[in-house]
Structures are given as structure tokens and as C-alpha cells.
C-alpha atoms as a PDB file:
ATOM      1  CA  MET A   1     116.472  66.811  51.852  1.00  0.00           C
ATOM      2  CA  LYS A   2     116.374  70.455  50.791  1.00  0.00           C
ATOM      3  CA  ARG A   3     117.031  69.503  47.169  1.00  0.00           C
ATOM      4  CA  PHE A   4     114.142  67.001  47.224  1.00  0.00           C
ATOM      5  CA  VAL A   5     111.815  69.673  48.601  1.00  0.00           C
ATOM      6  CA  GLU A   6     113.026  72.147  45.961  1.00  0.00           C
ATOM      7  CA  LEU A   7     112.068  69.554  43.327  1.00  0.00           C
ATOM      8  CA  GLY A   8     108.515  69.510  44.755  1.00  0.00           C
ATOM      9  CA  LEU A   9     108.847  66.072  46.326  1.00  0.00           C
ATOM     10  CA  HIS A  10     107.360  65.022  49.653  1.00  0.00           C
ATOM     11  CA  ILE A  11     109.330  63.443  52.480  1.00  0.00           C
ATOM     12  CA  GLY A  12     107.851  60.388  54.239  1.00  0.00           C
ATOM     13  CA  ILE A  13     108.629  60.042  57.946  1.00  0.00           C
ATOM     14  CA  ASN A  14     108.456  56.774  59.886  1.00  0.00           C
ATOM     15  CA  GLY A  15     109.875  55.510  63.170  1.00  0.00           C
ATOM     16  CA  CYS A  16     113.296  54.811  61.645  1.00  0.00           C
ATOM     17  CA  SER A  17     113.422  58.457  60.524  1.00  0.00           C
ATOM     18  CA  LEU A  18     113.210  59.448  64.190  1.00  0.00           C
ATOM     19  CA  LYS A  19     115.937  57.218  65.608  1.00  0.00           C
ATOM     20  CA  THR A  20     118.674  59.703  66.523  1.00  0.00           C
ATOM     21  CA  GLU A  21     118.875  63.269  67.724  1.00  0.00           C
ATOM     22  CA  ASP A  22     120.462  64.244  64.385  1.00  0.00           C
ATOM     23  CA  SER A  23     117.694  62.608  62.358  1.00  0.00           C
ATOM     24  CA  CYS A  24     115.075  64.360  64.498  1.00  0.00           C
ATOM     25  CA  ALA A  25     116.842  67.676  63.843  1.00  0.00           C
ATOM     26  CA  MET A  26     116.573  66.966  60.098  1.00  0.00           C
ATOM     27  CA  VAL A  27     112.860  66.178  60.402  1.00  0.00           C
ATOM     28  CA  LYS A  28     112.394  69.471  62.213  1.00  0.00           C
ATOM     29  CA  GLU A  29     113.734  71.254  59.105  1.00  0.00           C
ATOM     30  CA  ILE A  30     111.308  69.652  56.626  1.00  0.00           C
ATOM     31  CA  PRO A  31     108.592  72.131  55.620  1.00  0.00           C
ATOM     32  CA  ILE A  32     105.209  70.899  56.839  1.00  0.00           C
ATOM     33  CA  THR A  33     103.831  71.281  53.326  1.00  0.00           C
ATOM     34  CA  SER A  34     106.285  68.566  52.215  1.00  0.00           C
ATOM     35  CA  LEU A  35     105.629  66.081  55.043  1.00  0.00           C
ATOM     36  CA  MET A  36     103.952  62.708  54.834  1.00  0.00           C
ATOM     37  CA  PHE A  37     103.722  60.078  57.583  1.00  0.00           C
ATOM     38  CA  GLU A  38     104.086  56.322  57.213  1.00  0.00           C
ATOM     39  CA  THR A  39     104.431  53.377  59.542  1.00  0.00           C
ATOM     40  CA  ASP A  40     106.237  50.899  57.284  1.00  0.00           C
ATOM     41  CA  SER A  41     104.379  48.208  59.207  1.00  0.00           C
ATOM     42  CA  PRO A  42     105.418  45.805  60.560  1.00  0.00           C
ATOM     43  CA  TRP A  43     108.932  47.303  60.684  1.00  0.00           C
ATOM     44  CA  CYS A  44     110.344  50.747  61.439  1.00  0.00           C
ATOM     45  CA  GLY A  45     108.470  51.534  64.624  1.00  0.00           C
ATOM     46  CA  ILE A  46     109.793  53.888  67.275  1.00  0.00           C
ATOM     47  CA  ARG A  47     111.719  51.750  69.744  1.00  0.00           C
ATOM     48  CA  PRO A  48     112.375  52.694  73.379  1.00  0.00           C
ATOM     49  CA  SER A  49     116.057  53.181  72.468  1.00  0.00           C
ATOM     50  CA  HIS A  50     115.225  55.844  69.839  1.00  0.00           C
ATOM     51  CA  PHE A  51     115.825  59.488  70.712  1.00  0.00           C
ATOM     52  CA  SER A  52     112.235  60.290  69.708  1.00  0.00           C
ATOM     53  CA  SER A  53     110.647  57.802  72.107  1.00  0.00           C
ATOM     54  CA  ARG A  54     110.647  60.462  74.837  1.00  0.00           C
ATOM     55  CA  PHE A  55     108.040  62.415  72.847  1.00  0.00           C
ATOM     56  CA  ILE A  56     105.484  59.596  72.597  1.00  0.00           C
ATOM     57  CA  HIS A  57     102.371  60.132  74.685  1.00  0.00           C
ATOM     58  CA  THR A  58     100.148  57.303  73.478  1.00  0.00           C
ATOM     59  CA  LYS A  59     101.065  53.738  74.397  1.00  0.00           C
ATOM     60  CA  PHE A  60      99.336  50.793  72.775  1.00  0.00           C
ATOM     61  CA  GLU A  61      98.707  47.579  74.668  1.00  0.00           C
ATOM     62  CA  SER A  62     100.527  44.581  73.282  1.00  0.00           C
ATOM     63  CA  ALA A  63     100.198  40.848  73.771  1.00  0.00           C
ATOM     64  CA  LYS A  64     103.084  38.401  73.616  1.00  0.00           C
ATOM     65  CA  LYS A  65     100.791  35.666  72.413  1.00  0.00           C
ATOM     66  CA  ASN A  66      97.119  35.159  71.678  1.00  0.00           C
ATOM     67  CA  TRP A  67      96.631  38.288  69.602  1.00  0.00           C
ATOM     68  CA  ASN A  68      93.208  39.895  69.683  1.00  0.00           C
ATOM     69  CA  GLU A  69      91.718  42.902  67.930  1.00  0.00           C
ATOM     70  CA  ASN A  70      92.349  45.186  70.920  1.00  0.00           C
ATOM     71  CA  THR A  71      96.100  44.653  71.169  1.00  0.00           C
ATOM     72  CA  MET A  72      99.223  44.831  69.077  1.00  0.00           C
ATOM     73  CA  TYR A  73     101.290  41.685  68.715  1.00  0.00           C
ATOM     74  CA  LYS A  74     104.504  41.955  70.742  1.00  0.00           C
ATOM     75  CA  GLN A  75     106.300  45.122  69.626  1.00  0.00           C
ATOM     76  CA  ARG A  76     105.299  44.811  65.988  1.00  0.00           C
ATOM     77  CA  ASN A  77     104.746  48.149  64.329  1.00  0.00           C
ATOM     78  CA  GLU A  78     101.120  48.448  63.226  1.00  0.00           C
ATOM     79  CA  PRO A  79      99.138  51.166  61.400  1.00  0.00           C
ATOM     80  CA  GLN A  80      97.787  52.668  64.629  1.00  0.00           C
ATOM     81  CA  THR A  81     101.318  53.689  65.610  1.00  0.00           C
ATOM     82  CA  ILE A  82     101.195  56.440  62.997  1.00  0.00           C
ATOM     83  CA  LEU A  83      99.771  58.437  65.904  1.00  0.00           C
ATOM     84  CA  ASN A  84     103.201  58.149  67.557  1.00  0.00           C
ATOM     85  CA  ILE A  85     104.839  59.622  64.453  1.00  0.00           C
ATOM     86  CA  LEU A  86     102.395  62.538  64.666  1.00  0.00           C
ATOM     87  CA  GLU A  87     103.123  63.046  68.378  1.00  0.00           C
ATOM     88  CA  VAL A  88     106.867  63.144  67.835  1.00  0.00           C
ATOM     89  CA  VAL A  89     106.850  65.394  64.776  1.00  0.00           C
ATOM     90  CA  ALA A  90     104.354  67.809  66.355  1.00  0.00           C
ATOM     91  CA  THR A  91     106.601  68.052  69.406  1.00  0.00           C
ATOM     92  CA  LEU A  92     109.734  68.561  67.311  1.00  0.00           C
ATOM     93  CA  LYS A  93     108.077  71.231  65.177  1.00  0.00           C
ATOM     94  CA  GLU A  94     106.259  72.805  68.142  1.00  0.00           C
ATOM     95  CA  ILE A  95     102.913  72.650  66.386  1.00  0.00           C
ATOM     96  CA  ASN A  96      99.478  71.483  67.495  1.00  0.00           C
ATOM     97  CA  GLN A  97      98.880  67.799  66.661  1.00  0.00           C
ATOM     98  CA  GLU A  98      95.465  68.394  65.156  1.00  0.00           C
ATOM     99  CA  GLU A  99      96.750  71.166  62.894  1.00  0.00           C
ATOM    100  CA  LEU A 100      99.721  69.060  61.789  1.00  0.00           C
ATOM    101  CA  SER A 101      97.519  66.022  61.128  1.00  0.00           C
ATOM    102  CA  GLU A 102      95.241  68.092  58.890  1.00  0.00           C
ATOM    103  CA  ILE A 103      98.195  69.447  56.895  1.00  0.00           C
ATOM    104  CA  VAL A 104      99.772  66.002  56.480  1.00  0.00           C
ATOM    105  CA  PHE A 105      96.411  64.528  55.471  1.00  0.00           C
ATOM    106  CA  GLU A 106      96.011  67.272  52.880  1.00  0.00           C
ATOM    107  CA  ASN A 107      99.552  66.585  51.587  1.00  0.00           C
ATOM    108  CA  THR A 108      98.705  62.890  51.258  1.00  0.00           C
ATOM    109  CA  VAL A 109      95.457  63.546  49.403  1.00  0.00           C
ATOM    110  CA  ASN A 110      97.256  65.939  47.047  1.00  0.00           C
ATOM    111  CA  VAL A 111      99.864  63.285  46.218  1.00  0.00           C
ATOM    112  CA  PHE A 112      97.607  60.232  45.874  1.00  0.00           C
ATOM    113  CA  CYS A 113      94.297  61.822  44.801  1.00  0.00           C
ATOM    114  CA  PRO A 114      95.276  65.084  43.080  1.00  0.00           C
ATOM    115  CA  ASN A 115      91.928  65.514  41.345  1.00  0.00           C
ATOM    116  CA  GLU A 116      89.800  65.419  44.495  1.00  0.00           C
END
């Protein structure tokens, strides 16, 4: 990871990146100026068995059938769960969620829209 950062690359974090205590320790070491968040929907969500699940504060209602716009379908990972990634990483890095979200947003804009 350090070599990637030295090369000026960004590191994308999703639920699978936060599965074990060791992987969470690695995420903690990534400079915030190199962080990006992703959901990898519909896969790679944070599961209850993941080490990082203890840091999730926001729970989303899910339906086992008859999906509607106010619920997730079963335990499928959906774009809204990017908030869970933010919650976990902010906790690991001991930084305010709003501040971290602004930095990660800025990182994303700089990568995908460098002229704006």
C-alpha cells in the first residue's frame, strides 16, 4: 500500500477491505489524502461477521421480498451503504465523519474531474 501511495495512487476502500482486524489496521495507515470509498454494489458489503461491523452506527431496513424504494433487498450491498464505510473508517482513523467525507469527496473529484 505504501508503494502505491508513493506513486500518487489512491486506495479504494469497500466492505471487503474492512473484513479482518489486520485489514482494518492497514486501512488505518492509508493517508486520508489517498483514500476513496466504494461500495462495489451489490457485493462487498460489511457483513455482521466482519471485524469492522462493530463500528457501524447506521442500519438500513431490508426486505426479504417485495422490494420497495425505502428498503434494501435482503442483505444486498447498495450505494447507500457507503455511509457504513465512512462510519468505520472515521472510527478507525479517529476523525470526524463530516471532515473525512469532505476529504474523500475532494479526493474523488480530483481523480475523476481534475479540471473542476
